[in-house]
Amino acid sequence: QVQVVESGGGLVHSGESLRLSCVVSGVSSDDYAIGWFRHAPGKEREGVACISTSDGMTYYAESAKGRFTISRDNARNAVFLQMNSLKPEDLGVYYCAVGRLNQGKRLQLPAIWDSRSTYDHWGQGTQVTVPS
């Protein structure tokens, strides 16, 4: 059974940093997309960043480029999201999601990494608060 557990959320002020962690267990291969999504109040859940576990390719939302970095530690089945220069608009519940990649999905990943349907398993989320 696949389990996805996030941690690292909290309350920070504008300009500060947070590092989110996602630990995945129960996966049976090394070829996955692991994504971070944000669900802000009154908005749709949106993709923030994604990493491919097999080749390390990364993808970012425009709002995250230059400030957030996604990385992986395959030995620990962990993915991290380093968030710097946080802004009030970064507020929300951050979810980690895992999607197994076949050949077709891998080729399409640049176009589908931020689609919820790419992912099969989701964590419970961790809250990030940045007061305005």
C-alpha atoms as a PDB file:
ATOM      1  CA  GLN A   1       0.000   0.000   0.000  1.00  0.00           C
ATOM      2  CA  VAL A   2       1.422   3.358  -1.042  1.00  0.00           C
ATOM      3  CA  GLN A   3       1.672   5.972   1.676  1.00  0.00           C
ATOM      4  CA  VAL A   4       2.558   9.625   1.175  1.00  0.00           C
ATOM      5  CA  VAL A   5       3.412  11.745   4.199  1.00  0.00           C
ATOM      6  CA  GLU A   6       4.188  15.450   4.100  1.00  0.00           C
ATOM      7  CA  SER A   7       5.795  17.561   6.799  1.00  0.00           C
ATOM      8  CA  GLY A   8       7.469  20.914   7.272  1.00  0.00           C
ATOM      9  CA  GLY A   9       4.641  23.391   6.971  1.00  0.00           C
ATOM     10  CA  GLY A  10       4.231  26.281   9.371  1.00  0.00           C
ATOM     11  CA  LEU A  11       3.736  29.992   9.787  1.00  0.00           C
ATOM     12  CA  VAL A  12       6.417  32.257   8.389  1.00  0.00           C
ATOM     13  CA  HIS A  13       6.591  35.925   7.476  1.00  0.00           C
ATOM     14  CA  SER A  14       7.095  37.382   4.038  1.00  0.00           C
ATOM     15  CA  GLY A  15      10.610  36.845   2.772  1.00  0.00           C
ATOM     16  CA  GLU A  16      11.297  33.849   4.987  1.00  0.00           C
ATOM     17  CA  SER A  17      11.839  30.234   3.952  1.00  0.00           C
ATOM     18  CA  LEU A  18      10.344  26.808   4.560  1.00  0.00           C
ATOM     19  CA  ARG A  19      11.379  23.337   3.514  1.00  0.00           C
ATOM     20  CA  LEU A  20       8.641  20.802   2.938  1.00  0.00           C
ATOM     21  CA  SER A  21       9.340  17.082   3.000  1.00  0.00           C
ATOM     22  CA  CYS A  22       7.471  14.205   1.408  1.00  0.00           C
ATOM     23  CA  VAL A  23       8.249  10.598   2.264  1.00  0.00           C
ATOM     24  CA  VAL A  24       6.790   7.879   0.068  1.00  0.00           C
ATOM     25  CA  SER A  25       6.531   4.225   1.005  1.00  0.00           C
ATOM     26  CA  GLY A  26       5.103   1.177  -0.675  1.00  0.00           C
ATOM     27  CA  VAL A  27       6.129   2.029  -4.247  1.00  0.00           C
ATOM     28  CA  SER A  28       7.358  -0.808  -6.397  1.00  0.00           C
ATOM     29  CA  SER A  29       9.469   0.906  -9.034  1.00  0.00           C
ATOM     30  CA  ASP A  30      11.802   3.856  -9.441  1.00  0.00           C
ATOM     31  CA  ASP A  31       9.892   5.619 -12.196  1.00  0.00           C
ATOM     32  CA  TYR A  32       7.506   8.116 -10.666  1.00  0.00           C
ATOM     33  CA  ALA A  33       6.509  11.721 -10.903  1.00  0.00           C
ATOM     34  CA  ILE A  34       6.282  13.352  -7.502  1.00  0.00           C
ATOM     35  CA  GLY A  35       4.533  16.668  -7.423  1.00  0.00           C
ATOM     36  CA  TRP A  36       3.705  19.387  -4.953  1.00  0.00           C
ATOM     37  CA  PHE A  37       0.326  21.042  -5.208  1.00  0.00           C
ATOM     38  CA  ARG A  38      -1.063  24.039  -3.349  1.00  0.00           C
ATOM     39  CA  HIS A  39      -4.659  24.535  -2.340  1.00  0.00           C
ATOM     40  CA  ALA A  40      -5.294  28.116  -1.352  1.00  0.00           C
ATOM     41  CA  PRO A  41      -8.608  29.266   0.155  1.00  0.00           C
ATOM     42  CA  GLY A  42     -11.198  29.890  -2.541  1.00  0.00           C
ATOM     43  CA  LYS A  43      -8.981  28.585  -5.315  1.00  0.00           C
ATOM     44  CA  GLU A  44      -8.470  25.378  -7.234  1.00  0.00           C
ATOM     45  CA  ARG A  45      -5.647  23.073  -6.228  1.00  0.00           C
ATOM     46  CA  GLU A  46      -2.703  23.966  -8.459  1.00  0.00           C
ATOM     47  CA  GLY A  47       0.620  22.389  -9.291  1.00  0.00           C
ATOM     48  CA  VAL A  48       3.668  24.073  -7.836  1.00  0.00           C
ATOM     49  CA  ALA A  49       6.540  21.767  -8.771  1.00  0.00           C
ATOM     50  CA  CYS A  50       7.272  18.234  -9.921  1.00  0.00           C
ATOM     51  CA  ILE A  51      10.269  15.954 -10.146  1.00  0.00           C
ATOM     52  CA  SER A  52      10.791  12.733 -12.041  1.00  0.00           C
ATOM     53  CA  THR A  53      12.446  10.124  -9.832  1.00  0.00           C
ATOM     54  CA  SER A  54      14.139   8.297 -12.706  1.00  0.00           C
ATOM     55  CA  ASP A  55      15.986  11.181 -14.379  1.00  0.00           C
ATOM     56  CA  GLY A  56      15.576  14.088 -11.981  1.00  0.00           C
ATOM     57  CA  MET A  57      13.818  16.359 -14.464  1.00  0.00           C
ATOM     58  CA  THR A  58      12.000  19.188 -12.701  1.00  0.00           C
ATOM     59  CA  TYR A  59       9.045  21.362 -13.579  1.00  0.00           C
ATOM     60  CA  TYR A  60       7.761  24.525 -11.903  1.00  0.00           C
ATOM     61  CA  ALA A  61       4.780  26.800 -11.969  1.00  0.00           C
ATOM     62  CA  GLU A  62       5.607  30.340 -13.070  1.00  0.00           C
ATOM     63  CA  SER A  63       4.872  31.566  -9.544  1.00  0.00           C
ATOM     64  CA  ALA A  64       7.504  29.184  -8.146  1.00  0.00           C
ATOM     65  CA  LYS A  65      10.342  29.703 -10.594  1.00  0.00           C
ATOM     66  CA  GLY A  66      13.377  31.331  -9.035  1.00  0.00           C
ATOM     67  CA  ARG A  67      12.081  30.923  -5.481  1.00  0.00           C
ATOM     68  CA  PHE A  68      11.243  27.236  -5.014  1.00  0.00           C
ATOM     69  CA  THR A  69      13.460  24.216  -5.575  1.00  0.00           C
ATOM     70  CA  ILE A  70      12.282  20.620  -5.701  1.00  0.00           C
ATOM     71  CA  SER A  71      14.791  17.869  -5.028  1.00  0.00           C
ATOM     72  CA  ARG A  72      14.831  14.178  -4.293  1.00  0.00           C
ATOM     73  CA  ASP A  73      16.663  11.627  -2.184  1.00  0.00           C
ATOM     74  CA  ASN A  74      15.881   8.310  -3.827  1.00  0.00           C
ATOM     75  CA  ALA A  75      17.662   6.322  -1.124  1.00  0.00           C
ATOM     76  CA  ARG A  76      15.199   7.696   1.424  1.00  0.00           C
ATOM     77  CA  ASN A  77      12.204   7.779  -0.949  1.00  0.00           C
ATOM     78  CA  ALA A  78      11.918  11.450  -0.105  1.00  0.00           C
ATOM     79  CA  VAL A  79      11.231  14.616  -2.039  1.00  0.00           C
ATOM     80  CA  PHE A  80      11.752  18.126  -0.723  1.00  0.00           C
ATOM     81  CA  LEU A  81      10.402  21.527  -1.663  1.00  0.00           C
ATOM     82  CA  GLN A  82      12.650  24.384  -0.589  1.00  0.00           C
ATOM     83  CA  MET A  83      10.587  27.565  -0.606  1.00  0.00           C
ATOM     84  CA  ASN A  84      12.440  30.860  -0.337  1.00  0.00           C
ATOM     85  CA  SER A  85      11.246  34.454  -0.366  1.00  0.00           C
ATOM     86  CA  LEU A  86       7.768  33.378   0.634  1.00  0.00           C
ATOM     87  CA  LYS A  87       4.870  35.704  -0.113  1.00  0.00           C
ATOM     88  CA  PRO A  88       1.327  35.914   1.288  1.00  0.00           C
ATOM     89  CA  GLU A  89       0.033  34.423  -1.971  1.00  0.00           C
ATOM     90  CA  ASP A  90       2.009  31.231  -1.238  1.00  0.00           C
ATOM     91  CA  LEU A  91      -0.410  30.515   1.592  1.00  0.00           C
ATOM     92  CA  GLY A  92      -2.299  27.234   1.425  1.00  0.00           C
ATOM     93  CA  VAL A  93      -2.287  23.534   2.113  1.00  0.00           C
ATOM     94  CA  TYR A  94       0.552  21.849   0.260  1.00  0.00           C
ATOM     95  CA  TYR A  95      -0.012  18.322  -0.944  1.00  0.00           C
ATOM     96  CA  CYS A  96       2.528  15.815  -2.153  1.00  0.00           C
ATOM     97  CA  ALA A  97       1.347  13.497  -4.904  1.00  0.00           C
ATOM     98  CA  VAL A  98       2.847  10.423  -6.546  1.00  0.00           C
ATOM     99  CA  GLY A  99       2.141   9.179 -10.020  1.00  0.00           C
ATOM    100  CA  ARG A 100       3.638   6.113 -11.655  1.00  0.00           C
ATOM    101  CA  LEU A 101       5.096   6.813 -15.076  1.00  0.00           C
ATOM    102  CA  ASN A 102       4.810   4.578 -18.083  1.00  0.00           C
ATOM    103  CA  GLN A 103       6.546   5.406 -21.354  1.00  0.00           C
ATOM    104  CA  GLY A 104       3.651   7.515 -22.587  1.00  0.00           C
ATOM    105  CA  LYS A 105       3.277   9.534 -19.411  1.00  0.00           C
ATOM    106  CA  ARG A 106       7.014  10.091 -19.222  1.00  0.00           C
ATOM    107  CA  LEU A 107       7.033  11.646 -22.678  1.00  0.00           C
ATOM    108  CA  GLN A 108       4.030  13.805 -21.842  1.00  0.00           C
ATOM    109  CA  LEU A 109       5.230  14.851 -18.415  1.00  0.00           C
ATOM    110  CA  PRO A 110       6.292  18.386 -19.419  1.00  0.00           C
ATOM    111  CA  ALA A 111       2.662  19.008 -20.397  1.00  0.00           C
ATOM    112  CA  ILE A 112       0.849  17.040 -17.705  1.00  0.00           C
ATOM    113  CA  TRP A 113       2.959  17.422 -14.561  1.00  0.00           C
ATOM    114  CA  ASP A 114       0.500  19.933 -13.097  1.00  0.00           C
ATOM    115  CA  SER A 115      -2.606  17.901 -13.861  1.00  0.00           C
ATOM    116  CA  ARG A 116      -4.145  16.154 -10.870  1.00  0.00           C
ATOM    117  CA  SER A 117      -4.996  13.161 -13.024  1.00  0.00           C
ATOM    118  CA  THR A 118      -1.271  12.408 -13.488  1.00  0.00           C
ATOM    119  CA  TYR A 119      -1.062  11.340  -9.855  1.00  0.00           C
ATOM    120  CA  ASP A 120      -2.403   8.236  -8.158  1.00  0.00           C
ATOM    121  CA  HIS A 121      -1.623   8.791  -4.504  1.00  0.00           C
ATOM    122  CA  TRP A 122      -1.882  11.886  -2.346  1.00  0.00           C
ATOM    123  CA  GLY A 123      -0.782  12.868   1.123  1.00  0.00           C
ATOM    124  CA  GLN A 124      -2.911  14.581   3.734  1.00  0.00           C
ATOM    125  CA  GLY A 125      -1.306  17.969   3.212  1.00  0.00           C
ATOM    126  CA  THR A 126       0.695  20.401   5.309  1.00  0.00           C
ATOM    127  CA  GLN A 127      -0.377  23.978   5.988  1.00  0.00           C
ATOM    128  CA  VAL A 128       1.781  26.918   4.967  1.00  0.00           C
ATOM    129  CA  THR A 129       0.747  30.308   6.327  1.00  0.00           C
ATOM    130  CA  VAL A 130       2.309  33.587   5.279  1.00  0.00           C
ATOM    131  CA  PRO A 131       0.445  36.506   6.871  1.00  0.00           C
ATOM    132  CA  SER A 132      -0.059  39.546   4.710  1.00  0.00           C
END
